[in-house]
Structure formats: structure tokens, C-alpha cells
């Protein structure tokens, strides 16, 4: 799965996986333990989703949440090194 950087992308990824499995919002919401209305808002990218409900949905799909440090460009790396050097002096 691609990197997800916002609520809209996370909701779209969950919707795509749910549809790939042939599940309706109603049946999947019941399976995950959330309301259909909540699932619809979440899949639409509503940013105020509760973290616990997000984990319920991910677990129901057999998905995990992993955190990763984004790769930095050479320019960003040089800037970070310069800032670190400035702090040390």
C-alpha cells in the first residue's frame, strides 16, 4: 500500500480495500463494530475520526498501522545538518 499522509487518503484506502473484498458499508460497519454513518464519513476523509474507531476498522480488514520517517532530500538533509551544527555552537 502507498504512503498515506492525510485523512482523505486513509479513508479512500479503507474504502478501496472494503470494496475489493466485496463488502457493503452496512455489512462492513457491523463487522468492524462502527456505525454505517461513521464509516461513510471516515471513508470520505472526515478528519475527526476517533483513533479507537480507526483501529477497529483496520483490525477488521486485517491491516496494521505502521509509522515511518519520511525520506529527506539532499537539500533537506543539508539544511538539517546546518541547523544541528548551529545548535551545537
N, C-alpha and C. Protein backbone atom coordinates (compact mmCIF):
# COMPACT_ATOMS: atom_id res chain seq x y z
N UNK A 1 0.84 -1.18 0.00
CA UNK A 1 0.00 0.00 0.00
C UNK A 1 0.89 1.25 0.00
N UNK A 2 0.44 2.28 -0.62
CA UNK A 2 1.21 3.52 -0.73
C UNK A 2 1.22 4.27 0.60
N UNK A 3 2.13 5.23 0.68
CA UNK A 3 2.17 6.09 1.87
C UNK A 3 0.89 6.90 1.97
N UNK A 4 0.37 6.99 3.16
CA UNK A 4 -0.85 7.75 3.42
C UNK A 4 -0.48 8.93 4.29
N UNK A 5 -0.86 10.12 3.84
CA UNK A 5 -0.44 11.33 4.55
C UNK A 5 -1.58 12.17 5.12
N UNK A 6 -2.83 11.79 4.86
CA UNK A 6 -3.94 12.56 5.42
C UNK A 6 -5.19 11.69 5.55
N UNK A 7 -6.21 12.24 6.21
CA UNK A 7 -7.44 11.51 6.49
C UNK A 7 -8.15 11.09 5.20
N UNK A 8 -8.12 11.93 4.19
CA UNK A 8 -8.77 11.61 2.93
C UNK A 8 -8.16 10.37 2.29
N UNK A 9 -6.83 10.30 2.29
CA UNK A 9 -6.15 9.14 1.70
C UNK A 9 -6.40 7.87 2.51
N UNK A 10 -6.43 8.00 3.84
CA UNK A 10 -6.69 6.83 4.68
C UNK A 10 -8.10 6.31 4.45
N UNK A 11 -9.07 7.20 4.40
CA UNK A 11 -10.44 6.79 4.14
C UNK A 11 -10.59 6.14 2.78
N UNK A 12 -9.93 6.70 1.77
CA UNK A 12 -10.00 6.14 0.42
C UNK A 12 -9.37 4.75 0.37
N UNK A 13 -8.27 4.56 1.10
CA UNK A 13 -7.61 3.26 1.12
C UNK A 13 -8.49 2.21 1.79
N UNK A 14 -9.14 2.58 2.88
CA UNK A 14 -10.05 1.66 3.56
C UNK A 14 -11.23 1.33 2.65
N UNK A 15 -11.80 2.35 2.01
CA UNK A 15 -12.93 2.12 1.10
C UNK A 15 -12.53 1.16 -0.02
N UNK A 16 -11.35 1.38 -0.62
CA UNK A 16 -10.89 0.53 -1.71
C UNK A 16 -10.72 -0.92 -1.25
N UNK A 17 -10.16 -1.11 -0.06
CA UNK A 17 -9.97 -2.47 0.46
C UNK A 17 -11.30 -3.12 0.78
N UNK A 18 -12.23 -2.36 1.36
CA UNK A 18 -13.56 -2.90 1.65
C UNK A 18 -14.25 -3.34 0.37
N UNK A 19 -14.20 -2.49 -0.65
CA UNK A 19 -14.84 -2.82 -1.93
C UNK A 19 -14.15 -4.00 -2.61
N UNK A 20 -12.81 -4.05 -2.50
CA UNK A 20 -12.07 -5.16 -3.10
C UNK A 20 -12.55 -6.49 -2.50
N UNK A 21 -12.93 -6.45 -1.25
CA UNK A 21 -13.41 -7.65 -0.57
C UNK A 21 -14.90 -7.89 -0.79
N UNK A 22 -15.55 -6.99 -1.53
CA UNK A 22 -16.96 -7.16 -1.86
C UNK A 22 -17.91 -6.90 -0.71
N UNK A 23 -17.50 -6.06 0.23
CA UNK A 23 -18.35 -5.78 1.39
C UNK A 23 -19.05 -4.44 1.24
N UNK A 24 -20.32 -4.40 1.61
CA UNK A 24 -21.05 -3.13 1.63
C UNK A 24 -20.65 -2.34 2.87
N UNK A 25 -20.97 -1.05 2.87
CA UNK A 25 -20.70 -0.25 4.07
C UNK A 25 -21.48 -0.80 5.26
N UNK A 26 -22.72 -1.19 5.04
CA UNK A 26 -23.56 -1.69 6.14
C UNK A 26 -22.96 -2.95 6.75
N UNK A 27 -22.62 -3.93 5.90
CA UNK A 27 -22.09 -5.19 6.44
C UNK A 27 -20.71 -5.00 7.05
N UNK A 28 -19.88 -4.19 6.43
CA UNK A 28 -18.54 -3.99 6.99
C UNK A 28 -18.60 -3.21 8.29
N UNK A 29 -19.45 -2.19 8.36
CA UNK A 29 -19.57 -1.41 9.60
C UNK A 29 -19.98 -2.32 10.76
N UNK A 30 -20.94 -3.22 10.51
CA UNK A 30 -21.37 -4.16 11.55
C UNK A 30 -20.23 -5.08 11.94
N UNK A 31 -19.48 -5.56 10.96
CA UNK A 31 -18.33 -6.44 11.21
C UNK A 31 -17.26 -5.73 12.03
N UNK A 32 -17.02 -4.45 11.73
CA UNK A 32 -15.96 -3.69 12.40
C UNK A 32 -16.39 -3.13 13.76
N UNK A 33 -17.70 -3.05 13.99
CA UNK A 33 -18.18 -2.51 15.26
C UNK A 33 -18.32 -0.99 15.27
N UNK A 34 -18.56 -0.42 14.09
CA UNK A 34 -18.79 1.02 13.98
C UNK A 34 -20.12 1.23 13.26
N UNK A 35 -20.65 2.44 13.32
CA UNK A 35 -21.91 2.70 12.61
C UNK A 35 -21.64 2.92 11.13
N UNK A 36 -22.66 2.68 10.30
CA UNK A 36 -22.51 2.91 8.87
C UNK A 36 -22.26 4.38 8.60
N UNK A 37 -22.93 5.26 9.36
CA UNK A 37 -22.73 6.71 9.17
C UNK A 37 -21.29 7.11 9.48
N UNK A 38 -20.73 6.54 10.56
CA UNK A 38 -19.34 6.85 10.89
C UNK A 38 -18.41 6.37 9.78
N UNK A 39 -18.64 5.14 9.31
CA UNK A 39 -17.80 4.58 8.24
C UNK A 39 -17.88 5.43 6.98
N UNK A 40 -19.07 5.90 6.63
CA UNK A 40 -19.22 6.75 5.44
C UNK A 40 -18.43 8.04 5.59
N UNK A 41 -18.49 8.66 6.75
CA UNK A 41 -17.72 9.89 6.99
C UNK A 41 -16.22 9.61 6.94
N UNK A 42 -15.81 8.51 7.56
CA UNK A 42 -14.39 8.14 7.58
C UNK A 42 -13.87 7.89 6.16
N UNK A 43 -14.62 7.12 5.38
CA UNK A 43 -14.20 6.82 4.01
C UNK A 43 -14.18 8.08 3.15
N UNK A 44 -14.98 9.07 3.50
CA UNK A 44 -15.00 10.34 2.76
C UNK A 44 -13.86 11.26 3.18
N UNK A 45 -13.09 10.85 4.20
CA UNK A 45 -11.95 11.65 4.61
C UNK A 45 -12.22 12.64 5.72
N UNK A 46 -13.34 12.49 6.42
CA UNK A 46 -13.65 13.39 7.54
C UNK A 46 -12.52 13.29 8.55
N UNK A 47 -11.90 14.41 8.90
CA UNK A 47 -10.69 14.37 9.73
C UNK A 47 -10.90 14.13 11.22
N UNK A 48 -12.12 14.08 11.71
CA UNK A 48 -12.35 13.97 13.15
C UNK A 48 -12.66 12.55 13.60
N UNK A 49 -12.11 11.56 12.94
CA UNK A 49 -12.37 10.17 13.31
C UNK A 49 -11.65 9.84 14.61
N UNK A 50 -12.32 9.08 15.48
CA UNK A 50 -11.67 8.67 16.73
C UNK A 50 -10.62 7.62 16.41
N UNK A 51 -9.51 7.71 17.08
CA UNK A 51 -8.40 6.78 16.85
C UNK A 51 -8.85 5.35 17.13
N UNK A 52 -9.61 5.14 18.19
CA UNK A 52 -10.07 3.80 18.53
C UNK A 52 -10.92 3.21 17.41
N UNK A 53 -11.81 4.00 16.84
CA UNK A 53 -12.64 3.50 15.74
C UNK A 53 -11.80 3.21 14.50
N UNK A 54 -10.79 4.03 14.25
CA UNK A 54 -9.88 3.76 13.12
C UNK A 54 -9.22 2.40 13.32
N UNK A 55 -8.75 2.12 14.53
CA UNK A 55 -8.13 0.82 14.79
C UNK A 55 -9.12 -0.33 14.66
N UNK A 56 -10.38 -0.13 15.06
CA UNK A 56 -11.40 -1.17 14.86
C UNK A 56 -11.53 -1.51 13.38
N UNK A 57 -11.59 -0.48 12.54
CA UNK A 57 -11.74 -0.67 11.10
C UNK A 57 -10.51 -1.37 10.52
N UNK A 58 -9.32 -0.91 10.89
CA UNK A 58 -8.10 -1.52 10.36
C UNK A 58 -8.00 -2.99 10.78
N UNK A 59 -8.30 -3.28 12.05
CA UNK A 59 -8.25 -4.67 12.52
C UNK A 59 -9.26 -5.53 11.76
N UNK A 60 -10.45 -5.01 11.51
CA UNK A 60 -11.47 -5.77 10.79
C UNK A 60 -11.03 -6.12 9.38
N UNK A 61 -10.17 -5.30 8.80
CA UNK A 61 -9.63 -5.58 7.46
C UNK A 61 -8.33 -6.37 7.52
N UNK A 62 -7.83 -6.62 8.72
CA UNK A 62 -6.56 -7.32 8.86
C UNK A 62 -5.37 -6.45 8.48
N UNK A 63 -5.54 -5.13 8.62
CA UNK A 63 -4.48 -4.19 8.27
C UNK A 63 -3.82 -3.66 9.53
N UNK A 64 -2.58 -3.21 9.39
CA UNK A 64 -1.85 -2.64 10.52
C UNK A 64 -1.44 -1.21 10.17
N UNK A 65 -1.27 -0.43 11.20
CA UNK A 65 -0.78 0.94 11.04
C UNK A 65 0.70 0.94 11.36
N UNK A 66 1.51 1.40 10.43
CA UNK A 66 2.95 1.48 10.65
C UNK A 66 3.40 2.91 10.48
N UNK A 67 4.29 3.35 11.35
CA UNK A 67 4.84 4.70 11.25
C UNK A 67 6.21 4.61 10.62
N UNK A 68 6.51 5.57 9.76
CA UNK A 68 7.81 5.60 9.10
C UNK A 68 8.29 7.04 9.01
N UNK A 69 9.58 7.19 9.09
CA UNK A 69 10.17 8.51 8.91
C UNK A 69 10.29 8.76 7.42
N UNK A 70 9.75 9.88 6.93
CA UNK A 70 9.85 10.16 5.50
C UNK A 70 11.30 10.35 5.09
N UNK A 71 11.60 9.94 3.88
CA UNK A 71 12.95 10.14 3.35
C UNK A 71 13.16 11.63 3.12
N UNK A 72 14.36 12.09 3.41
CA UNK A 72 14.67 13.50 3.19
C UNK A 72 15.51 13.64 1.93
N UNK A 73 15.30 14.74 1.24
CA UNK A 73 16.10 15.02 0.05
C UNK A 73 17.48 15.47 0.48
N UNK A 74 18.41 15.55 -0.46
CA UNK A 74 19.76 16.01 -0.15
C UNK A 74 19.72 17.43 0.41
N UNK A 75 18.88 18.28 -0.16
CA UNK A 75 18.76 19.66 0.31
C UNK A 75 18.24 19.73 1.73
N UNK A 76 17.22 18.91 2.02
CA UNK A 76 16.68 18.88 3.38
C UNK A 76 17.71 18.35 4.37
N UNK A 77 18.46 17.32 3.96
CA UNK A 77 19.48 16.75 4.83
C UNK A 77 20.56 17.78 5.14
N UNK A 78 20.97 18.55 4.13
CA UNK A 78 21.99 19.58 4.34
C UNK A 78 21.47 20.66 5.28
N UNK A 79 20.22 21.05 5.11
CA UNK A 79 19.62 22.06 5.97
C UNK A 79 19.53 21.56 7.42
N UNK A 80 19.11 20.32 7.60
CA UNK A 80 19.03 19.75 8.95
C UNK A 80 20.41 19.67 9.60
N UNK A 81 21.42 19.31 8.82
CA UNK A 81 22.79 19.24 9.35
C UNK A 81 23.27 20.63 9.76
N UNK A 82 22.96 21.64 8.94
CA UNK A 82 23.37 23.01 9.25
C UNK A 82 22.67 23.50 10.52
N UNK A 83 21.40 23.19 10.67
CA UNK A 83 20.66 23.59 11.87
C UNK A 83 21.21 22.89 13.11
N UNK A 84 21.54 21.61 12.98
CA UNK A 84 22.10 20.88 14.11
C UNK A 84 23.45 21.45 14.51
N UNK A 85 24.27 21.81 13.51
CA UNK A 85 25.58 22.39 13.79
C UNK A 85 25.42 23.74 14.48
N UNK A 86 24.43 24.50 14.06
CA UNK A 86 24.19 25.82 14.67
C UNK A 86 23.80 25.68 16.14
N UNK A 87 22.98 24.66 16.45
CA UNK A 87 22.56 24.44 17.83
C UNK A 87 23.74 24.07 18.72
N UNK A 88 24.69 23.32 18.16
CA UNK A 88 25.84 22.86 18.93
C UNK A 88 26.83 23.98 19.22
N UNK A 89 26.83 25.04 18.42
CA UNK A 89 27.81 26.11 18.64
C UNK A 89 27.29 27.22 19.51
